Amino acid sequence: MKDIPVHLLKERASSGLEINRFFKGDKPKADEPLGAHRDDHYIFFVIEGGWGSLMVDFNEIVIQESCLYYVLPGQVHHRIQNEGAYGWFIAVDTMLIPPDYRNVFENQLLLQQPYTLNDVQKRQCQSLLNLLFERYREDEQAVFNLSVVHSLLQSFLGIAAGCFSQTGKPGMLMSRPVQLAQDFKKLLVEHVRTLKSPSAYAAKLNVSETYLNEALKKATGLSVSYWIQQEVILEAKRLLYYSQLNVKEIAHALGYEDHAYFSRLFKKAEGVTPLAFKADYRK
C-alpha cells in the first residue's frame, strides 16, 4: 500500500451502524482486510468472556473479560486478536454520536484505556446489544425499524459515555481547561499535517496562545508545543511503518518542505532517524 488505507463505514452499512458478535477462535472472513488501517468511524468492543488484544498506534491494548473499549476515527489499528475472547463489535458513524458523548470519548490526549464493567453495567450492555442486534438484522425498510435501531444504539452509547466519563479527573471533566484540551485535540488531529504553531491553534479556538498553553498544562501537565510534536511524530511513525512512502514524501505529507529538517526533528524526538525506525519496526 502506498498510504495507510482508510475503511469507510458507508461501504459496508447504509444505516451508519454495523454490529456483529464474535466468538472464540473466529477466523476472519475471506474479504476482511487484516493489515493496519484507519477507520472513518468509531469502533466499540464489549468483551463478554476471555480476553483479546489489538494494536492501536503502536500500543498493544489487552481487553479482558467484562471490558469495554473503543477505537477513535483515524487511529491506526489491526483486527482484534480474539482467539480466546468472545463478545461484540460495533462500528458507528461519527454523526450518530452526540457531541456530549464525543467529548467524553475524545477527552484523553493519551491513548484511551479499556473500562471494566461492573455486573450491572455488563448485564445492561448485553441486554441492549442483543436487542440491537436482533433489530439490526430485521428489514431496514420496516416501519420505524431504523429509528428503533438508532434509539437502541443511543442507549448503548450513553452507557459507554457514562462509563468512560468516570475515568476523568474528579471535578475536571467539564472544567474550562479540560473542555479546551478536548477541542484542541480535535483540531490537532484534523490539522496536524498543515498547522504546527501553538498560535494557529489558539486563533482557531479564539483564545490567546498563553491561555491555551496554561489550559493544556492544567489539564494534562504538558504544553501545547509538546502535544503538537507528539501528534506529528505519531503520524510520521504511522506513515513510516504502514505506508510505502519514502522519508521525503512523508515529510512533504506532514507539511515539511525540508525533509532533512523533518529527519532531525524525528531523531530528536525518537532517538533514531526515520529510516532506522522504519528498518527496525519492519524486521
C-alpha atoms as a PDB file:
ATOM      1  CA  MET A   1       0.000   0.000   0.000  1.00  0.00           C
ATOM      2  CA  LYS A   2       1.192   3.484  -0.834  1.00  0.00           C
ATOM      3  CA  ASP A   3      -0.521   5.098   2.146  1.00  0.00           C
ATOM      4  CA  ILE A   4      -2.426   3.795   5.163  1.00  0.00           C
ATOM      5  CA  PRO A   5      -5.831   2.573   3.964  1.00  0.00           C
ATOM      6  CA  VAL A   6      -8.962   4.140   5.403  1.00  0.00           C
ATOM      7  CA  HIS A   7     -12.014   1.909   5.832  1.00  0.00           C
ATOM      8  CA  LEU A   8     -15.300   3.691   5.118  1.00  0.00           C
ATOM      9  CA  LEU A   9     -18.356   2.549   7.022  1.00  0.00           C
ATOM     10  CA  LYS A  10     -20.692   3.636   4.230  1.00  0.00           C
ATOM     11  CA  GLU A  11     -19.177   0.913   2.032  1.00  0.00           C
ATOM     12  CA  ARG A  12     -20.417  -1.752   4.468  1.00  0.00           C
ATOM     13  CA  ALA A  13     -23.553  -0.277   6.004  1.00  0.00           C
ATOM     14  CA  SER A  14     -26.238   2.160   4.898  1.00  0.00           C
ATOM     15  CA  SER A  15     -27.627   2.774   8.385  1.00  0.00           C
ATOM     16  CA  GLY A  16     -24.468   4.289   9.901  1.00  0.00           C
ATOM     17  CA  LEU A  17     -24.076   1.187  12.052  1.00  0.00           C
ATOM     18  CA  GLU A  18     -22.565  -2.271  11.854  1.00  0.00           C
ATOM     19  CA  ILE A  19     -22.866  -4.724  14.729  1.00  0.00           C
ATOM     20  CA  ASN A  20     -21.597  -8.292  14.960  1.00  0.00           C
ATOM     21  CA  ARG A  21     -20.981 -10.854  17.624  1.00  0.00           C
ATOM     22  CA  PHE A  22     -17.674 -12.719  17.617  1.00  0.00           C
ATOM     23  CA  PHE A  23     -16.709 -15.973  19.294  1.00  0.00           C
ATOM     24  CA  LYS A  24     -13.535 -17.688  20.452  1.00  0.00           C
ATOM     25  CA  GLY A  25     -11.413 -18.813  17.561  1.00  0.00           C
ATOM     26  CA  ASP A  26     -13.402 -16.981  14.882  1.00  0.00           C
ATOM     27  CA  LYS A  27     -11.435 -16.719  11.665  1.00  0.00           C
ATOM     28  CA  PRO A  28     -11.506 -13.538   9.556  1.00  0.00           C
ATOM     29  CA  LYS A  29     -13.775 -13.551   6.535  1.00  0.00           C
ATOM     30  CA  ALA A  30     -12.182 -14.078   3.132  1.00  0.00           C
ATOM     31  CA  ASP A  31     -12.760 -10.441   2.143  1.00  0.00           C
ATOM     32  CA  GLU A  32     -11.799  -8.986   5.521  1.00  0.00           C
ATOM     33  CA  PRO A  33      -8.604  -6.896   5.444  1.00  0.00           C
ATOM     34  CA  LEU A  34      -6.168  -7.901   8.164  1.00  0.00           C
ATOM     35  CA  GLY A  35      -3.470  -5.257   7.902  1.00  0.00           C
ATOM     36  CA  ALA A  36      -3.121  -1.947   9.651  1.00  0.00           C
ATOM     37  CA  HIS A  37      -5.743   0.616   8.720  1.00  0.00           C
ATOM     38  CA  ARG A  38      -7.701   3.623   9.878  1.00  0.00           C
ATOM     39  CA  ASP A  39     -11.468   3.895  10.076  1.00  0.00           C
ATOM     40  CA  ASP A  40     -13.611   6.948   9.366  1.00  0.00           C
ATOM     41  CA  HIS A  41     -15.875   5.853  12.231  1.00  0.00           C
ATOM     42  CA  TYR A  42     -15.833   4.719  15.841  1.00  0.00           C
ATOM     43  CA  ILE A  43     -15.422   1.071  16.801  1.00  0.00           C
ATOM     44  CA  PHE A  44     -16.593  -0.297  20.160  1.00  0.00           C
ATOM     45  CA  PHE A  45     -15.698  -3.676  21.638  1.00  0.00           C
ATOM     46  CA  VAL A  46     -17.507  -5.348  24.521  1.00  0.00           C
ATOM     47  CA  ILE A  47     -15.670  -8.449  25.749  1.00  0.00           C
ATOM     48  CA  GLU A  48     -18.097 -10.813  27.468  1.00  0.00           C
ATOM     49  CA  GLY A  49     -15.563 -13.510  28.280  1.00  0.00           C
ATOM     50  CA  GLY A  50     -11.910 -14.428  27.831  1.00  0.00           C
ATOM     51  CA  TRP A  51      -9.533 -11.787  26.615  1.00  0.00           C
ATOM     52  CA  GLY A  52      -8.385 -10.285  23.334  1.00  0.00           C
ATOM     53  CA  SER A  53      -5.819  -7.787  22.154  1.00  0.00           C
ATOM     54  CA  LEU A  54      -5.238  -5.328  19.368  1.00  0.00           C
ATOM     55  CA  MET A  55      -2.521  -2.899  18.317  1.00  0.00           C
ATOM     56  CA  VAL A  56      -3.581   0.743  18.378  1.00  0.00           C
ATOM     57  CA  ASP A  57      -0.999   3.348  17.356  1.00  0.00           C
ATOM     58  CA  PHE A  58       1.982   1.187  18.376  1.00  0.00           C
ATOM     59  CA  ASN A  59       0.439   0.208  21.699  1.00  0.00           C
ATOM     60  CA  GLU A  60      -0.856  -3.285  22.452  1.00  0.00           C
ATOM     61  CA  ILE A  61      -4.206  -2.977  24.174  1.00  0.00           C
ATOM     62  CA  VAL A  62      -5.313  -6.037  26.146  1.00  0.00           C
ATOM     63  CA  ILE A  63      -9.067  -6.219  26.688  1.00  0.00           C
ATOM     64  CA  GLN A  64     -10.082  -8.551  29.481  1.00  0.00           C
ATOM     65  CA  GLU A  65     -13.406 -10.181  30.294  1.00  0.00           C
ATOM     66  CA  SER A  66     -16.195  -7.672  31.060  1.00  0.00           C
ATOM     67  CA  CYS A  67     -14.299  -4.819  29.444  1.00  0.00           C
ATOM     68  CA  LEU A  68     -15.479  -2.045  27.139  1.00  0.00           C
ATOM     69  CA  TYR A  69     -13.088  -0.414  24.677  1.00  0.00           C
ATOM     70  CA  TYR A  70     -13.291   1.900  21.678  1.00  0.00           C
ATOM     71  CA  VAL A  71     -11.090   2.970  18.780  1.00  0.00           C
ATOM     72  CA  LEU A  72     -11.374   6.543  17.555  1.00  0.00           C
ATOM     73  CA  PRO A  73     -11.660   7.552  13.895  1.00  0.00           C
ATOM     74  CA  GLY A  74      -8.168   7.991  12.450  1.00  0.00           C
ATOM     75  CA  GLN A  75      -6.320   5.776  14.915  1.00  0.00           C
ATOM     76  CA  VAL A  76      -4.228   3.131  13.164  1.00  0.00           C
ATOM     77  CA  HIS A  77      -5.028  -0.365  14.341  1.00  0.00           C
ATOM     78  CA  HIS A  78      -5.175  -4.035  13.348  1.00  0.00           C
ATOM     79  CA  ARG A  79      -8.001  -6.545  13.556  1.00  0.00           C
ATOM     80  CA  ILE A  80      -8.650  -7.681  17.129  1.00  0.00           C
ATOM     81  CA  GLN A  81      -6.923 -10.921  18.110  1.00  0.00           C
ATOM     82  CA  ASN A  82      -9.816 -12.822  19.650  1.00  0.00           C
ATOM     83  CA  GLU A  83      -8.650 -16.450  19.766  1.00  0.00           C
ATOM     84  CA  GLY A  84      -9.550 -16.503  23.456  1.00  0.00           C
ATOM     85  CA  ALA A  85     -12.349 -13.944  23.582  1.00  0.00           C
ATOM     86  CA  TYR A  86     -15.989 -13.573  22.692  1.00  0.00           C
ATOM     87  CA  GLY A  87     -18.172 -10.506  22.649  1.00  0.00           C
ATOM     88  CA  TRP A  88     -19.409  -7.664  20.477  1.00  0.00           C
ATOM     89  CA  PHE A  89     -18.068  -5.440  17.709  1.00  0.00           C
ATOM     90  CA  ILE A  90     -19.981  -2.221  16.975  1.00  0.00           C
ATOM     91  CA  ALA A  91     -18.969   0.247  14.239  1.00  0.00           C
ATOM     92  CA  VAL A  92     -20.706   3.632  14.455  1.00  0.00           C
ATOM     93  CA  ASP A  93     -20.768   6.609  12.115  1.00  0.00           C
ATOM     94  CA  THR A  94     -19.454   9.689  13.929  1.00  0.00           C
ATOM     95  CA  MET A  95     -22.593  11.637  13.019  1.00  0.00           C
ATOM     96  CA  LEU A  96     -24.664   9.256  15.187  1.00  0.00           C
ATOM     97  CA  ILE A  97     -22.645  10.066  18.312  1.00  0.00           C
ATOM     98  CA  PRO A  98     -23.943  13.155  20.168  1.00  0.00           C
ATOM     99  CA  PRO A  99     -21.381  15.915  20.845  1.00  0.00           C
ATOM    100  CA  ASP A 100     -21.582  15.396  24.620  1.00  0.00           C
ATOM    101  CA  TYR A 101     -20.670  11.733  24.201  1.00  0.00           C
ATOM    102  CA  ARG A 102     -17.883  12.549  21.757  1.00  0.00           C
ATOM    103  CA  ASN A 103     -16.425  14.961  24.297  1.00  0.00           C
ATOM    104  CA  VAL A 104     -16.125  12.055  26.717  1.00  0.00           C
ATOM    105  CA  PHE A 105     -14.639   9.619  24.198  1.00  0.00           C
ATOM    106  CA  GLU A 106     -12.162  12.169  22.852  1.00  0.00           C
ATOM    107  CA  ASN A 107     -11.188  13.795  26.156  1.00  0.00           C
ATOM    108  CA  GLN A 108      -7.875  11.996  26.513  1.00  0.00           C
ATOM    109  CA  LEU A 109      -4.778  13.246  24.744  1.00  0.00           C
ATOM    110  CA  LEU A 110      -3.139   9.955  25.596  1.00  0.00           C
ATOM    111  CA  LEU A 111      -4.408   6.589  24.362  1.00  0.00           C
ATOM    112  CA  GLN A 112      -7.758   5.568  25.856  1.00  0.00           C
ATOM    113  CA  GLN A 113      -7.761   2.528  28.113  1.00  0.00           C
ATOM    114  CA  PRO A 114     -10.306  -0.314  28.496  1.00  0.00           C
ATOM    115  CA  TYR A 115     -13.056   0.193  31.060  1.00  0.00           C
ATOM    116  CA  THR A 116     -14.066  -2.716  33.303  1.00  0.00           C
ATOM    117  CA  LEU A 117     -17.844  -3.060  33.505  1.00  0.00           C
ATOM    118  CA  ASN A 118     -19.445  -3.958  36.804  1.00  0.00           C
ATOM    119  CA  ASP A 119     -22.098  -6.685  36.879  1.00  0.00           C
ATOM    120  CA  VAL A 120     -24.987  -4.255  36.386  1.00  0.00           C
ATOM    121  CA  GLN A 121     -23.301  -2.411  33.519  1.00  0.00           C
ATOM    122  CA  LYS A 122     -22.353  -5.678  31.825  1.00  0.00           C
ATOM    123  CA  ARG A 123     -25.884  -7.034  32.083  1.00  0.00           C
ATOM    124  CA  GLN A 124     -27.316  -3.799  30.696  1.00  0.00           C
ATOM    125  CA  CYS A 125     -24.883  -3.781  27.767  1.00  0.00           C
ATOM    126  CA  GLN A 126     -25.594  -7.423  26.971  1.00  0.00           C
ATOM    127  CA  SER A 127     -29.358  -6.871  27.006  1.00  0.00           C
ATOM    128  CA  LEU A 128     -29.118  -3.770  24.837  1.00  0.00           C
ATOM    129  CA  LEU A 129     -26.725  -5.289  22.340  1.00  0.00           C
ATOM    130  CA  ASN A 130     -28.764  -8.457  21.967  1.00  0.00           C
ATOM    131  CA  LEU A 131     -31.884  -6.413  21.248  1.00  0.00           C
ATOM    132  CA  LEU A 132     -29.972  -4.025  18.999  1.00  0.00           C
ATOM    133  CA  PHE A 133     -28.510  -6.936  17.029  1.00  0.00           C
ATOM    134  CA  GLU A 134     -31.943  -8.511  16.659  1.00  0.00           C
ATOM    135  CA  ARG A 135     -33.493  -5.302  15.326  1.00  0.00           C
ATOM    136  CA  TYR A 136     -30.420  -4.529  13.193  1.00  0.00           C
ATOM    137  CA  ARG A 137     -30.901  -7.779  11.273  1.00  0.00           C
ATOM    138  CA  GLU A 138     -34.543  -7.027  10.526  1.00  0.00           C
ATOM    139  CA  ASP A 139     -35.684  -5.412   7.295  1.00  0.00           C
ATOM    140  CA  GLU A 140     -34.372  -1.832   7.149  1.00  0.00           C
ATOM    141  CA  GLN A 141     -37.496  -0.821   5.257  1.00  0.00           C
ATOM    142  CA  ALA A 142     -39.839  -1.991   8.022  1.00  0.00           C
ATOM    143  CA  VAL A 143     -41.817   0.883   9.507  1.00  0.00           C
ATOM    144  CA  PHE A 144     -39.807   2.710  12.188  1.00  0.00           C
ATOM    145  CA  ASN A 145     -37.202  -0.067  12.393  1.00  0.00           C
ATOM    146  CA  LEU A 146     -34.254   2.213  11.636  1.00  0.00           C
ATOM    147  CA  SER A 147     -35.479   4.677  14.251  1.00  0.00           C
ATOM    148  CA  VAL A 148     -35.675   1.859  16.793  1.00  0.00           C
ATOM    149  CA  VAL A 149     -32.161   0.688  15.864  1.00  0.00           C
ATOM    150  CA  HIS A 150     -30.747   4.188  16.298  1.00  0.00           C
ATOM    151  CA  SER A 151     -32.590   4.648  19.593  1.00  0.00           C
ATOM    152  CA  LEU A 152     -31.136   1.424  20.972  1.00  0.00           C
ATOM    153  CA  LEU A 153     -27.708   2.489  19.744  1.00  0.00           C
ATOM    154  CA  GLN A 154     -28.060   5.808  21.576  1.00  0.00           C
ATOM    155  CA  SER A 155     -28.823   3.916  24.784  1.00  0.00           C
ATOM    156  CA  PHE A 156     -25.657   1.847  24.414  1.00  0.00           C
ATOM    157  CA  LEU A 157     -23.572   4.940  23.594  1.00  0.00           C
ATOM    158  CA  GLY A 158     -24.994   6.690  26.646  1.00  0.00           C
ATOM    159  CA  ILE A 159     -23.963   3.816  28.899  1.00  0.00           C
ATOM    160  CA  ALA A 160     -20.497   3.741  27.311  1.00  0.00           C
ATOM    161  CA  ALA A 161     -20.046   7.517  27.671  1.00  0.00           C
ATOM    162  CA  GLY A 162     -21.188   7.319  31.283  1.00  0.00           C
ATOM    163  CA  CYS A 163     -18.616   4.617  31.977  1.00  0.00           C
ATOM    164  CA  PHE A 164     -15.706   6.484  30.434  1.00  0.00           C
ATOM    165  CA  SER A 165     -16.700   9.810  31.982  1.00  0.00           C
ATOM    166  CA  GLN A 166     -15.874   8.202  35.334  1.00  0.00           C
ATOM    167  CA  THR A 167     -12.251   7.764  34.243  1.00  0.00           C
ATOM    168  CA  GLY A 168     -11.616  11.511  34.016  1.00  0.00           C
ATOM    169  CA  LYS A 169     -10.070  13.545  36.767  1.00  0.00           C
ATOM    170  CA  PRO A 170     -12.655  14.213  39.516  1.00  0.00           C
ATOM    171  CA  GLY A 171     -14.226  17.638  39.103  1.00  0.00           C
ATOM    172  CA  MET A 172     -12.266  18.304  35.930  1.00  0.00           C
ATOM    173  CA  LEU A 173     -14.361  16.772  33.162  1.00  0.00           C
ATOM    174  CA  MET A 174     -16.487  19.827  32.433  1.00  0.00           C
ATOM    175  CA  SER A 175     -13.949  22.459  33.535  1.00  0.00           C
ATOM    176  CA  ARG A 176     -12.853  25.059  31.007  1.00  0.00           C
ATOM    177  CA  PRO A 177      -9.241  23.770  30.745  1.00  0.00           C
ATOM    178  CA  VAL A 178     -10.411  20.203  30.059  1.00  0.00           C
ATOM    179  CA  GLN A 179     -13.022  21.356  27.548  1.00  0.00           C
ATOM    180  CA  LEU A 180     -10.368  23.451  25.799  1.00  0.00           C
ATOM    181  CA  ALA A 181      -7.971  20.477  25.797  1.00  0.00           C
ATOM    182  CA  GLN A 182     -10.656  18.350  24.139  1.00  0.00           C
ATOM    183  CA  ASP A 183     -11.332  20.986  21.492  1.00  0.00           C
ATOM    184  CA  PHE A 184      -7.604  21.384  20.891  1.00  0.00           C
ATOM    185  CA  LYS A 185      -7.162  17.638  20.394  1.00  0.00           C
ATOM    186  CA  LYS A 186      -9.916  17.534  17.769  1.00  0.00           C
ATOM    187  CA  LEU A 187      -8.303  20.384  15.846  1.00  0.00           C
ATOM    188  CA  LEU A 188      -4.845  18.845  16.215  1.00  0.00           C
ATOM    189  CA  VAL A 189      -5.923  15.511  14.745  1.00  0.00           C
ATOM    190  CA  GLU A 190      -7.650  17.301  11.876  1.00  0.00           C
ATOM    191  CA  HIS A 191      -4.933  19.834  11.046  1.00  0.00           C
ATOM    192  CA  VAL A 192      -1.650  18.257  12.197  1.00  0.00           C
ATOM    193  CA  ARG A 193      -0.382  17.992   8.611  1.00  0.00           C
ATOM    194  CA  THR A 194      -0.855  21.702   7.932  1.00  0.00           C
ATOM    195  CA  LEU A 195      -0.694  23.573  11.265  1.00  0.00           C
ATOM    196  CA  LYS A 196       2.294  23.317  13.584  1.00  0.00           C
ATOM    197  CA  SER A 197       2.297  26.525  15.650  1.00  0.00           C
ATOM    198  CA  PRO A 198       0.518  26.946  19.002  1.00  0.00           C
ATOM    199  CA  SER A 199      -0.652  30.394  17.890  1.00  0.00           C
ATOM    200  CA  ALA A 200      -2.519  28.895  14.925  1.00  0.00           C
ATOM    201  CA  TYR A 201      -4.489  26.572  17.182  1.00  0.00           C
ATOM    202  CA  ALA A 202      -5.110  29.340  19.703  1.00  0.00           C
ATOM    203  CA  ALA A 203      -6.535  31.505  16.909  1.00  0.00           C
ATOM    204  CA  LYS A 204      -8.872  28.715  15.795  1.00  0.00           C
ATOM    205  CA  LEU A 205     -10.048  28.290  19.379  1.00  0.00           C
ATOM    206  CA  ASN A 206     -10.475  32.062  19.841  1.00  0.00           C
ATOM    207  CA  VAL A 207      -8.171  32.224  22.842  1.00  0.00           C
ATOM    208  CA  SER A 208      -4.703  33.629  23.390  1.00  0.00           C
ATOM    209  CA  GLU A 209      -1.688  31.407  22.957  1.00  0.00           C
ATOM    210  CA  THR A 210      -0.795  31.982  26.604  1.00  0.00           C
ATOM    211  CA  TYR A 211      -4.228  30.936  27.820  1.00  0.00           C
ATOM    212  CA  LEU A 212      -4.259  27.824  25.620  1.00  0.00           C
ATOM    213  CA  ASN A 213      -0.856  26.817  26.952  1.00  0.00           C
ATOM    214  CA  GLU A 214      -1.965  27.359  30.559  1.00  0.00           C
ATOM    215  CA  ALA A 215      -5.143  25.336  29.958  1.00  0.00           C
ATOM    216  CA  LEU A 216      -3.236  22.414  28.418  1.00  0.00           C
ATOM    217  CA  LYS A 217      -0.721  22.394  31.265  1.00  0.00           C
ATOM    218  CA  LYS A 218      -3.523  22.409  33.827  1.00  0.00           C
ATOM    219  CA  ALA A 219      -5.489  19.644  32.099  1.00  0.00           C
ATOM    220  CA  THR A 220      -2.581  17.427  31.013  1.00  0.00           C
ATOM    221  CA  GLY A 221       0.561  18.727  32.683  1.00  0.00           C
ATOM    222  CA  LEU A 222       2.189  19.383  29.299  1.00  0.00           C
ATOM    223  CA  SER A 223       2.419  22.268  26.849  1.00  0.00           C
ATOM    224  CA  VAL A 224       0.714  22.898  23.507  1.00  0.00           C
ATOM    225  CA  SER A 225       4.036  22.503  21.677  1.00  0.00           C
ATOM    226  CA  TYR A 226       4.588  19.106  23.286  1.00  0.00           C
ATOM    227  CA  TRP A 227       1.233  17.782  22.073  1.00  0.00           C
ATOM    228  CA  ILE A 228       1.733  19.159  18.576  1.00  0.00           C
ATOM    229  CA  GLN A 229       5.105  17.414  18.342  1.00  0.00           C
ATOM    230  CA  GLN A 230       3.627  14.198  19.761  1.00  0.00           C
ATOM    231  CA  GLU A 231       0.900  14.148  17.114  1.00  0.00           C
ATOM    232  CA  VAL A 232       3.350  14.953  14.300  1.00  0.00           C
ATOM    233  CA  ILE A 233       5.708  12.174  15.378  1.00  0.00           C
ATOM    234  CA  LEU A 234       2.846   9.699  15.817  1.00  0.00           C
ATOM    235  CA  GLU A 235       1.565  10.441  12.310  1.00  0.00           C
ATOM    236  CA  ALA A 236       5.117  10.141  10.963  1.00  0.00           C
ATOM    237  CA  LYS A 237       5.538   6.740  12.649  1.00  0.00           C
ATOM    238  CA  ARG A 238       2.243   5.551  11.205  1.00  0.00           C
ATOM    239  CA  LEU A 239       3.340   6.520   7.694  1.00  0.00           C
ATOM    240  CA  LEU A 240       6.858   5.129   8.104  1.00  0.00           C
ATOM    241  CA  TYR A 241       5.629   1.775   9.307  1.00  0.00           C
ATOM    242  CA  TYR A 242       2.389   1.221   7.447  1.00  0.00           C
ATOM    243  CA  SER A 243       2.844   3.029   4.121  1.00  0.00           C
ATOM    244  CA  GLN A 244       5.284   2.777   1.231  1.00  0.00           C
ATOM    245  CA  LEU A 245       6.022   6.494   1.216  1.00  0.00           C
ATOM    246  CA  ASN A 246       9.714   7.388   1.500  1.00  0.00           C
ATOM    247  CA  VAL A 247      11.029   9.842   4.092  1.00  0.00           C
ATOM    248  CA  LYS A 248      10.937  12.791   1.707  1.00  0.00           C
ATOM    249  CA  GLU A 249       7.337  12.042   0.734  1.00  0.00           C
ATOM    250  CA  ILE A 250       6.334  11.662   4.372  1.00  0.00           C
ATOM    251  CA  ALA A 251       7.990  14.949   5.262  1.00  0.00           C
ATOM    252  CA  HIS A 252       6.055  16.701   2.498  1.00  0.00           C
ATOM    253  CA  ALA A 253       2.811  14.957   3.504  1.00  0.00           C
ATOM    254  CA  LEU A 254       3.283  16.317   7.022  1.00  0.00           C
ATOM    255  CA  GLY A 255       3.904  19.850   5.779  1.00  0.00           C
ATOM    256  CA  TYR A 256       7.719  19.967   5.859  1.00  0.00           C
ATOM    257  CA  GLU A 257       9.356  21.167   2.656  1.00  0.00           C
ATOM    258  CA  ASP A 258      12.811  20.476   4.109  1.00  0.00           C
ATOM    259  CA  HIS A 259      12.939  16.718   4.656  1.00  0.00           C
ATOM    260  CA  ALA A 260      16.350  16.998   6.330  1.00  0.00           C
ATOM    261  CA  TYR A 261      14.803  19.238   8.991  1.00  0.00           C
ATOM    262  CA  PHE A 262      11.985  16.735   9.428  1.00  0.00           C
ATOM    263  CA  SER A 263      14.523  13.921   9.886  1.00  0.00           C
ATOM    264  CA  ARG A 264      16.356  15.915  12.563  1.00  0.00           C
ATOM    265  CA  LEU A 265      13.058  16.631  14.332  1.00  0.00           C
ATOM    266  CA  PHE A 266      12.138  12.950  14.266  1.00  0.00           C
ATOM    267  CA  LYS A 267      15.542  11.832  15.553  1.00  0.00           C
ATOM    268  CA  LYS A 268      15.422  14.339  18.397  1.00  0.00           C
ATOM    269  CA  ALA A 269      12.033  13.001  19.469  1.00  0.00           C
ATOM    270  CA  GLU A 270      12.639   9.272  18.941  1.00  0.00           C
ATOM    271  CA  GLY A 271      16.398   8.899  19.276  1.00  0.00           C
ATOM    272  CA  VAL A 272      16.679   7.278  15.830  1.00  0.00           C
ATOM    273  CA  THR A 273      16.381   8.516  12.257  1.00  0.00           C
ATOM    274  CA  PRO A 274      13.141   7.898  10.309  1.00  0.00           C
ATOM    275  CA  LEU A 275      14.946   5.301   8.171  1.00  0.00           C
ATOM    276  CA  ALA A 276      16.297   3.495  11.236  1.00  0.00           C
ATOM    277  CA  PHE A 277      12.842   3.486  12.805  1.00  0.00           C
ATOM    278  CA  LYS A 278      11.329   2.059   9.628  1.00  0.00           C
ATOM    279  CA  ALA A 279      14.013  -0.636   9.346  1.00  0.00           C
ATOM    280  CA  ASP A 280      13.739  -1.605  12.994  1.00  0.00           C
ATOM    281  CA  TYR A 281       9.950  -1.921  13.037  1.00  0.00           C
ATOM    282  CA  ARG A 282       9.844  -3.819   9.754  1.00  0.00           C
ATOM    283  CA  LYS A 283      12.277  -6.542  10.818  1.00  0.00           C
END
